[in-house]
N, C-alpha and C. Protein backbone atom coordinates (compact mmCIF):
# COMPACT_ATOMS: atom_id res chain seq x y z
N MET A 1 25.64 -24.86 55.62
CA MET A 1 24.77 -26.10 56.17
C MET A 1 25.26 -26.79 57.05
N ASP A 2 24.61 -27.28 57.81
CA ASP A 2 24.97 -28.25 59.18
C ASP A 2 23.78 -29.12 59.33
N PHE A 3 24.65 -30.36 59.00
CA PHE A 3 23.49 -31.66 59.38
C PHE A 3 24.05 -32.52 59.74
N LYS A 4 23.18 -33.88 59.85
CA LYS A 4 24.15 -35.09 60.55
C LYS A 4 24.23 -36.43 59.15
N ILE A 5 25.37 -36.81 59.41
CA ILE A 5 25.19 -38.30 58.48
C ILE A 5 25.40 -39.36 59.04
N ASN A 6 24.44 -39.97 59.02
CA ASN A 6 24.69 -41.53 60.18
C ASN A 6 25.01 -41.22 61.58
N GLY A 7 24.18 -40.00 61.93
CA GLY A 7 24.31 -39.35 63.24
C GLY A 7 25.81 -38.96 63.44
N ARG A 8 26.23 -38.73 62.85
CA ARG A 8 27.80 -38.02 62.84
C ARG A 8 27.61 -36.27 62.18
N ALA A 9 27.60 -35.18 63.23
CA ALA A 9 27.52 -33.71 62.94
C ALA A 9 28.73 -33.50 61.19
N VAL A 10 27.90 -32.89 60.66
CA VAL A 10 28.64 -32.44 59.51
C VAL A 10 28.16 -31.09 59.16
N SER A 11 29.19 -30.38 58.82
CA SER A 11 29.16 -29.02 58.30
C SER A 11 30.02 -28.89 57.00
N TYR A 12 28.91 -28.06 55.86
CA TYR A 12 29.14 -27.90 54.58
C TYR A 12 29.13 -26.52 53.86
N ASP A 13 30.44 -25.72 53.32
CA ASP A 13 29.82 -24.47 53.06
C ASP A 13 30.17 -24.63 51.39
N GLY A 14 29.83 -25.67 50.54
CA GLY A 14 30.18 -25.12 49.11
C GLY A 14 29.09 -24.97 48.76
N ASP A 15 28.83 -25.19 47.51
CA ASP A 15 27.99 -24.69 46.11
C ASP A 15 26.48 -25.61 46.81
N GLY A 16 25.53 -25.29 47.46
CA GLY A 16 24.19 -25.52 47.67
C GLY A 16 23.25 -26.44 46.75
N GLU A 17 23.61 -26.28 45.44
CA GLU A 17 22.81 -26.67 44.27
C GLU A 17 23.89 -28.15 43.79
N MET A 18 24.78 -28.74 44.69
CA MET A 18 25.93 -30.16 44.42
C MET A 18 24.52 -30.77 44.75
N PRO A 19 24.55 -31.99 44.04
CA PRO A 19 23.43 -32.88 44.63
C PRO A 19 24.38 -33.70 45.72
N LEU A 20 23.35 -34.34 46.51
CA LEU A 20 23.61 -34.99 48.08
C LEU A 20 24.71 -36.22 47.61
N LEU A 21 24.27 -36.62 46.43
CA LEU A 21 24.92 -38.06 46.26
C LEU A 21 26.48 -37.44 45.84
N TRP A 22 27.31 -36.50 45.11
CA TRP A 22 28.34 -36.27 45.07
C TRP A 22 29.07 -35.88 46.21
N TYR A 23 28.58 -35.19 47.17
CA TYR A 23 28.96 -35.10 48.71
C TYR A 23 29.13 -36.41 49.13
N LEU A 24 28.27 -37.07 49.16
CA LEU A 24 28.25 -38.47 49.99
C LEU A 24 29.52 -39.08 49.56
N ARG A 25 29.65 -39.53 47.94
CA ARG A 25 30.48 -40.32 47.45
C ARG A 25 31.88 -39.21 47.56
N ASP A 26 32.17 -38.16 46.42
CA ASP A 26 33.22 -37.37 46.54
C ASP A 26 33.66 -37.05 47.88
N LEU A 27 33.33 -36.39 48.52
CA LEU A 27 33.96 -35.61 49.96
C LEU A 27 33.47 -36.45 51.27
N GLU A 28 32.62 -37.44 51.26
CA GLU A 28 32.49 -38.43 52.65
C GLU A 28 33.21 -39.90 52.14
N GLY A 29 33.58 -39.95 51.18
CA GLY A 29 33.89 -41.27 50.44
C GLY A 29 32.84 -42.46 51.12
N MET A 30 31.88 -42.39 51.05
CA MET A 30 30.68 -43.26 51.07
C MET A 30 30.45 -43.99 50.00
N THR A 31 30.98 -44.84 49.52
CA THR A 31 30.77 -45.16 48.50
C THR A 31 29.12 -46.17 48.07
N GLY A 32 28.77 -46.86 48.90
CA GLY A 32 28.03 -47.66 49.14
C GLY A 32 26.47 -46.66 48.59
N THR A 33 26.56 -45.64 48.16
CA THR A 33 25.48 -45.00 48.00
C THR A 33 25.97 -44.91 46.46
N LYS A 34 24.96 -45.32 45.54
CA LYS A 34 25.54 -45.54 44.03
C LYS A 34 24.72 -44.03 43.01
N PHE A 35 25.80 -43.67 42.14
CA PHE A 35 25.39 -43.38 40.57
C PHE A 35 24.92 -44.43 39.92
N GLY A 36 22.96 -44.11 39.64
CA GLY A 36 22.62 -44.83 38.32
C GLY A 36 22.14 -44.20 37.34
N CYS A 37 21.21 -43.32 37.41
CA CYS A 37 20.77 -42.89 36.02
C CYS A 37 21.12 -40.96 36.54
N GLY A 38 21.32 -40.31 37.14
CA GLY A 38 21.23 -39.09 37.70
C GLY A 38 19.71 -38.32 37.53
N ALA A 39 18.68 -39.12 37.48
CA ALA A 39 17.36 -38.12 37.26
C ALA A 39 16.52 -38.62 37.94
N GLY A 40 17.25 -39.35 39.23
CA GLY A 40 16.23 -39.92 40.24
C GLY A 40 15.03 -41.29 39.73
N LEU A 41 15.52 -41.47 38.35
CA LEU A 41 14.53 -42.54 38.26
C LEU A 41 14.43 -44.38 38.40
N CYS A 42 16.04 -43.88 39.27
CA CYS A 42 16.19 -45.88 39.10
C CYS A 42 16.56 -46.31 40.41
N GLY A 43 16.67 -45.39 41.23
CA GLY A 43 16.65 -45.71 43.27
C GLY A 43 18.33 -46.26 43.43
N ALA A 44 18.88 -46.11 42.54
CA ALA A 44 20.04 -46.69 42.74
C ALA A 44 21.07 -45.59 43.89
N CYS A 45 20.77 -44.27 44.31
CA CYS A 45 21.26 -43.52 44.94
C CYS A 45 20.01 -43.38 46.26
N THR A 46 19.25 -43.89 46.43
CA THR A 46 18.70 -43.87 47.58
C THR A 46 19.16 -44.08 48.76
N VAL A 47 18.52 -42.95 49.99
CA VAL A 47 19.58 -42.80 51.23
C VAL A 47 17.81 -41.76 51.65
N HIS A 48 18.29 -42.19 53.40
CA HIS A 48 17.31 -41.46 53.88
C HIS A 48 17.60 -40.15 54.25
N VAL A 49 16.39 -38.98 54.21
CA VAL A 49 17.03 -37.60 54.88
C VAL A 49 15.48 -37.36 56.06
N ASP A 50 15.62 -37.31 56.96
CA ASP A 50 14.94 -37.45 58.09
C ASP A 50 13.94 -38.06 58.22
N GLY A 51 14.45 -39.75 57.86
CA GLY A 51 13.66 -40.89 57.65
C GLY A 51 12.74 -41.36 56.62
N MET A 52 13.07 -40.32 55.46
CA MET A 52 12.43 -40.79 54.28
C MET A 52 13.26 -40.73 53.12
N ALA A 53 12.79 -41.67 52.27
CA ALA A 53 13.64 -42.38 51.00
C ALA A 53 13.24 -41.22 50.05
N VAL A 54 14.68 -40.90 49.52
CA VAL A 54 14.94 -39.96 48.60
C VAL A 54 16.14 -39.95 47.81
N ARG A 55 15.81 -39.71 46.62
CA ARG A 55 17.33 -39.50 45.44
C ARG A 55 18.04 -38.55 45.78
N SER A 56 19.06 -39.19 46.16
CA SER A 56 20.36 -38.48 46.24
C SER A 56 21.28 -37.62 45.34
N CYS A 57 20.74 -38.13 43.52
CA CYS A 57 21.54 -37.72 43.08
C CYS A 57 20.25 -36.18 42.71
N GLN A 58 19.40 -36.07 43.30
CA GLN A 58 17.88 -35.26 42.93
C GLN A 58 17.93 -34.26 44.15
N THR A 59 18.73 -34.33 45.18
CA THR A 59 18.75 -33.71 46.52
C THR A 59 19.65 -32.64 46.98
N TRP A 60 19.56 -31.80 46.63
CA TRP A 60 20.81 -30.67 46.32
C TRP A 60 21.00 -30.20 48.10
N MET A 61 22.25 -30.09 48.13
CA MET A 61 23.20 -29.93 49.34
C MET A 61 21.96 -28.68 50.42
N ASP A 62 21.53 -27.68 49.90
CA ASP A 62 20.70 -26.79 50.72
C ASP A 62 19.52 -27.56 51.52
N ASP A 63 19.15 -28.62 50.70
CA ASP A 63 17.65 -29.14 51.13
C ASP A 63 18.29 -29.84 51.96
N VAL A 64 19.76 -30.22 52.21
CA VAL A 64 19.69 -31.41 53.72
C VAL A 64 20.24 -30.22 55.08
N ASP A 65 20.11 -28.82 54.78
CA ASP A 65 20.51 -28.39 55.91
C ASP A 65 19.63 -28.65 57.48
N GLY A 66 20.07 -29.34 58.48
CA GLY A 66 19.57 -29.33 59.22
C GLY A 66 18.50 -30.44 59.59
N THR A 67 19.17 -31.14 58.17
CA THR A 67 18.43 -32.69 58.82
C THR A 67 19.24 -33.83 59.31
N GLU A 68 18.79 -35.06 59.38
CA GLU A 68 19.51 -36.51 59.62
C GLU A 68 19.40 -37.15 58.28
N VAL A 69 20.99 -37.28 57.91
CA VAL A 69 20.76 -38.30 56.50
C VAL A 69 21.45 -39.59 57.01
N THR A 70 20.47 -40.71 56.63
CA THR A 70 21.25 -41.82 56.80
C THR A 70 21.44 -42.78 55.56
N THR A 71 22.65 -42.63 55.38
CA THR A 71 22.97 -43.81 54.05
C THR A 71 23.40 -45.56 54.40
N ILE A 72 23.29 -46.28 53.30
CA ILE A 72 23.49 -47.27 53.73
C ILE A 72 24.29 -48.20 54.73
N GLU A 73 25.69 -47.31 54.52
CA GLU A 73 26.76 -47.48 55.78
C GLU A 73 26.11 -47.11 57.40
N GLY A 74 24.73 -46.44 57.16
CA GLY A 74 24.71 -46.23 59.02
C GLY A 74 23.12 -46.72 59.03
N LEU A 75 23.05 -47.65 58.29
CA LEU A 75 21.38 -48.26 58.61
C LEU A 75 21.70 -49.45 59.49
N GLY A 76 22.44 -50.30 59.88
CA GLY A 76 22.79 -51.03 61.06
C GLY A 76 22.62 -50.20 62.28
N ASN A 77 23.24 -50.88 63.56
CA ASN A 77 23.49 -50.29 64.53
C ASN A 77 24.86 -51.16 64.96
N GLY A 78 25.74 -49.99 64.19
CA GLY A 78 27.66 -50.76 64.56
C GLY A 78 28.14 -51.73 63.85
N GLU A 79 27.87 -52.94 64.24
CA GLU A 79 28.44 -53.91 64.19
C GLU A 79 27.23 -54.77 63.68
N THR A 80 26.06 -54.74 63.82
CA THR A 80 24.92 -55.50 63.80
C THR A 80 24.44 -54.71 62.52
N LEU A 81 24.43 -56.17 61.51
CA LEU A 81 23.11 -55.30 60.47
C LEU A 81 22.35 -55.21 60.29
N HIS A 82 20.87 -54.31 59.62
CA HIS A 82 19.61 -53.91 59.57
C HIS A 82 18.97 -55.34 59.12
N ALA A 83 17.99 -55.53 59.84
CA ALA A 83 17.23 -57.30 59.36
C ALA A 83 16.96 -57.27 57.79
N LEU A 84 16.87 -56.03 57.35
CA LEU A 84 16.66 -56.29 55.75
C LEU A 84 17.91 -56.57 55.29
N GLN A 85 18.84 -56.46 55.67
CA GLN A 85 20.66 -56.87 55.15
C GLN A 85 20.56 -57.84 55.04
N VAL A 86 20.36 -58.43 56.40
CA VAL A 86 20.25 -59.76 56.80
C VAL A 86 19.38 -61.12 55.93
N ALA A 87 18.30 -60.49 55.26
CA ALA A 87 17.28 -60.79 54.53
C ALA A 87 17.54 -60.82 53.35
N TRP A 88 18.39 -59.79 52.86
CA TRP A 88 18.81 -59.73 51.45
C TRP A 88 19.87 -61.00 51.22
N ALA A 89 20.75 -61.42 52.42
CA ALA A 89 21.92 -62.43 52.13
C ALA A 89 21.12 -63.77 52.44
N GLU A 90 20.35 -63.71 53.30
CA GLU A 90 19.57 -65.05 53.55
C GLU A 90 18.82 -65.99 51.89
N ASN A 91 18.08 -64.37 51.57
CA ASN A 91 17.39 -64.60 50.23
C ASN A 91 18.28 -64.81 48.59
N ASP A 92 19.29 -64.79 48.50
CA ASP A 92 20.23 -64.40 48.28
C ASP A 92 19.75 -63.10 47.30
N VAL A 93 19.41 -62.26 47.18
CA VAL A 93 18.87 -61.24 46.49
C VAL A 93 20.29 -60.54 45.53
N PRO A 94 21.30 -60.57 45.93
CA PRO A 94 21.96 -59.44 45.00
C PRO A 94 22.53 -60.42 43.88
N GLN A 95 22.60 -59.83 42.70
CA GLN A 95 23.50 -60.51 41.70
C GLN A 95 24.33 -59.72 41.48
N CYS A 96 24.49 -58.75 40.71
CA CYS A 96 25.32 -57.70 40.40
C CYS A 96 25.27 -56.81 41.48
N GLY A 97 24.54 -56.54 42.36
CA GLY A 97 24.57 -55.76 43.49
C GLY A 97 24.42 -54.37 43.80
N TYR A 98 24.77 -53.83 41.61
CA TYR A 98 24.88 -52.34 42.01
C TYR A 98 23.60 -51.44 42.99
N CYS A 99 21.99 -52.34 42.80
CA CYS A 99 21.25 -51.15 42.69
C CYS A 99 20.99 -51.61 44.29
N GLN A 100 21.42 -53.00 45.12
CA GLN A 100 21.18 -52.89 46.37
C GLN A 100 20.90 -51.76 47.72
N SER A 101 22.08 -51.00 47.59
CA SER A 101 22.00 -50.37 49.25
C SER A 101 20.64 -49.41 48.36
N GLY A 102 20.28 -48.87 47.03
CA GLY A 102 18.96 -48.05 46.97
C GLY A 102 17.81 -48.90 47.26
N GLN A 103 18.20 -49.97 46.76
CA GLN A 103 16.78 -51.12 47.22
C GLN A 103 16.71 -51.18 48.67
N ILE A 104 17.30 -51.56 49.29
CA ILE A 104 17.40 -51.68 50.62
C ILE A 104 16.91 -50.57 51.33
N MET A 105 17.42 -49.24 51.33
CA MET A 105 17.20 -47.99 51.99
C MET A 105 16.02 -48.03 51.67
N GLN A 106 15.06 -47.84 49.94
CA GLN A 106 13.69 -47.99 50.13
C GLN A 106 12.62 -48.71 51.05
N ALA A 107 13.36 -50.01 50.89
CA ALA A 107 12.74 -50.89 51.86
C ALA A 107 12.67 -50.28 53.14
N ALA A 108 13.61 -49.90 53.79
CA ALA A 108 13.68 -49.65 54.88
C ALA A 108 12.97 -48.54 55.70
N SER A 109 12.66 -47.85 54.71
CA SER A 109 11.55 -46.56 54.44
C SER A 109 10.39 -47.15 54.56
N LEU A 110 9.93 -47.72 53.76
CA LEU A 110 8.46 -48.43 53.56
C LEU A 110 8.08 -49.19 54.76
N LEU A 111 9.01 -49.91 55.76
CA LEU A 111 8.92 -50.63 56.54
C LEU A 111 8.74 -49.61 58.15
N ALA A 112 9.47 -48.65 57.69
CA ALA A 112 9.65 -47.73 59.03
C ALA A 112 7.96 -46.97 59.13
N GLU A 113 7.47 -46.97 57.97
CA GLU A 113 6.29 -46.33 57.83
C GLU A 113 5.50 -47.03 57.69
N ASN A 114 5.22 -48.30 57.33
CA ASN A 114 4.16 -49.54 57.26
C ASN A 114 5.16 -50.72 57.35
N PRO A 115 4.81 -51.22 59.02
CA PRO A 115 5.42 -52.03 58.93
C PRO A 115 5.01 -53.37 58.81
N ASN A 116 3.54 -53.77 58.11
CA ASN A 116 3.42 -54.72 57.67
C ASN A 116 2.40 -54.51 56.52
N PRO A 117 3.31 -53.99 55.14
CA PRO A 117 2.85 -53.93 54.36
C PRO A 117 2.37 -54.90 53.37
N THR A 118 0.84 -54.83 52.48
CA THR A 118 0.33 -55.91 51.99
C THR A 118 1.38 -56.48 50.25
N ASP A 119 1.42 -57.24 49.46
CA ASP A 119 2.21 -57.16 48.66
C ASP A 119 1.94 -55.71 47.54
N GLU A 120 0.76 -55.28 47.40
CA GLU A 120 0.22 -54.50 46.52
C GLU A 120 1.33 -53.41 46.90
N GLU A 121 1.41 -52.89 48.35
CA GLU A 121 1.67 -51.51 49.03
C GLU A 121 3.59 -51.81 48.60
N ILE A 122 4.06 -53.34 48.96
CA ILE A 122 5.38 -53.28 48.63
C ILE A 122 5.85 -53.19 46.93
N ASP A 123 4.92 -53.55 46.38
CA ASP A 123 4.91 -53.22 44.63
C ASP A 123 5.00 -51.51 44.51
N VAL A 124 3.98 -50.91 45.02
CA VAL A 124 3.73 -49.62 45.19
C VAL A 124 5.33 -48.81 45.45
N ALA A 125 5.27 -49.11 46.54
CA ALA A 125 6.95 -48.27 47.25
C ALA A 125 8.02 -48.67 46.32
N MET A 126 8.25 -49.83 45.95
CA MET A 126 9.65 -50.28 45.54
C MET A 126 9.14 -49.88 43.86
N SER A 127 8.12 -49.62 43.42
CA SER A 127 8.09 -49.21 42.18
C SER A 127 9.55 -48.58 41.57
N GLY A 128 9.85 -47.26 42.14
CA GLY A 128 10.71 -46.90 41.78
C GLY A 128 12.14 -47.37 41.77
N ASN A 129 12.57 -48.16 41.76
CA ASN A 129 13.76 -49.08 42.33
C ASN A 129 14.14 -49.92 41.22
N ILE A 130 15.08 -49.58 40.55
CA ILE A 130 15.12 -50.96 39.30
C ILE A 130 16.14 -51.67 39.32
N CYS A 131 16.09 -52.66 39.32
CA CYS A 131 17.18 -54.07 39.43
C CYS A 131 17.52 -54.64 38.05
N ARG A 132 18.33 -54.55 37.08
CA ARG A 132 18.70 -54.88 35.75
C ARG A 132 18.51 -55.99 36.32
N CYS A 133 18.99 -56.90 36.78
CA CYS A 133 19.24 -58.29 37.44
C CYS A 133 17.87 -59.16 37.34
N GLY A 134 17.08 -58.17 37.78
CA GLY A 134 15.20 -59.14 37.76
C GLY A 134 14.98 -59.41 39.67
N THR A 135 15.41 -59.20 40.59
CA THR A 135 15.71 -59.92 41.37
C THR A 135 14.44 -59.59 42.20
N TYR A 136 13.30 -58.82 41.65
CA TYR A 136 12.16 -58.70 42.45
C TYR A 136 11.64 -59.07 43.41
N GLN A 137 11.62 -60.77 43.21
CA GLN A 137 10.47 -61.65 43.80
C GLN A 137 11.58 -62.02 45.12
N ARG A 138 12.72 -61.73 44.96
CA ARG A 138 13.74 -62.13 45.95
C ARG A 138 13.68 -60.70 46.92
N ILE A 139 13.43 -59.49 46.51
CA ILE A 139 13.14 -58.44 47.38
C ILE A 139 12.06 -58.38 48.06
N LYS A 140 11.09 -58.69 47.24
CA LYS A 140 9.82 -58.64 47.69
C LYS A 140 9.79 -59.81 48.89
N LYS A 141 10.01 -60.90 48.88
CA LYS A 141 10.13 -61.70 49.92
C LYS A 141 10.78 -61.51 51.34
N SER A 142 12.17 -60.90 50.65
CA SER A 142 12.76 -60.37 52.22
C SER A 142 12.29 -59.17 52.89
N ILE A 143 11.22 -58.37 51.65
CA ILE A 143 10.45 -57.52 52.74
C ILE A 143 9.59 -58.12 53.37
N ARG A 144 8.48 -58.95 52.65
CA ARG A 144 7.94 -59.46 53.81
C ARG A 144 8.38 -60.69 54.83
N ASP A 145 9.79 -60.77 54.36
CA ASP A 145 10.66 -61.94 55.77
C ASP A 145 10.35 -61.17 57.15
N VAL A 146 11.22 -59.49 56.68
CA VAL A 146 11.02 -58.83 58.06
C VAL A 146 9.83 -58.44 58.63
N ALA A 147 8.90 -57.86 57.79
CA ALA A 147 7.93 -57.78 58.03
C ALA A 147 6.65 -58.82 59.08
N SER A 148 7.53 -59.78 58.63
CA SER A 148 6.91 -61.04 59.77
C SER A 148 7.52 -61.67 60.62
N GLY A 149 8.89 -60.99 60.81
CA GLY A 149 9.57 -61.20 61.74
C GLY A 149 10.26 -62.73 61.80
N LYS A 150 10.16 -63.41 60.54
CA LYS A 150 11.24 -64.27 60.44
C LYS A 150 12.37 -64.12 60.45
N VAL A 151 12.71 -63.31 60.05
CA VAL A 151 14.19 -62.83 60.26
C VAL A 151 15.03 -62.78 61.42
N LYS A 152 15.75 -63.88 61.74
CA LYS A 152 16.41 -64.20 62.83
C LYS A 152 17.58 -62.94 62.98
N GLY A 153 17.69 -62.03 63.75
CA GLY A 153 18.84 -61.15 63.75
C GLY A 153 18.84 -59.82 63.05
N GLY A 154 19.59 -59.06 63.55
CA GLY A 154 19.51 -57.69 62.59
C GLY A 154 18.68 -56.76 63.43
N THR A 155 18.92 -55.35 63.45
CA THR A 155 18.12 -54.62 63.99
C THR A 155 16.99 -54.08 63.00
N ILE A 156 16.34 -53.11 63.36
CA ILE A 156 15.26 -52.73 62.52
C ILE A 156 15.69 -51.16 62.57
């Protein structure tokens, strides 16, 4: 299997039924993507495959052949954070922080598809991402801040 991770070409010739999550964490050492439930229900493991948010715990290595995978480590542009990462910090979103990479990746996919979502569209898009600390209002505010252009700095 040949694919890209954060713009870097990689090859993998192992078990095609291994979850992408394990490949990212165990073989690539990219620990920003978290293991949560293992069933694709919590969103902690969200990454992008060809720009679409997917649960990496339920995405098999066979599924990523020929694709572009983006993780939280590759979301920004070099040393420049993504605008959502800036908004997250400005709005003090993280508490424990465990779910945050998945939340940000889901929100980035939403904004790439719909740059000016309504509150209802935000709720629907983010509904599969669980935050045990309950920072949902700050998450929504951060998404709205990026959509409205309020965030100064960062890339989209």
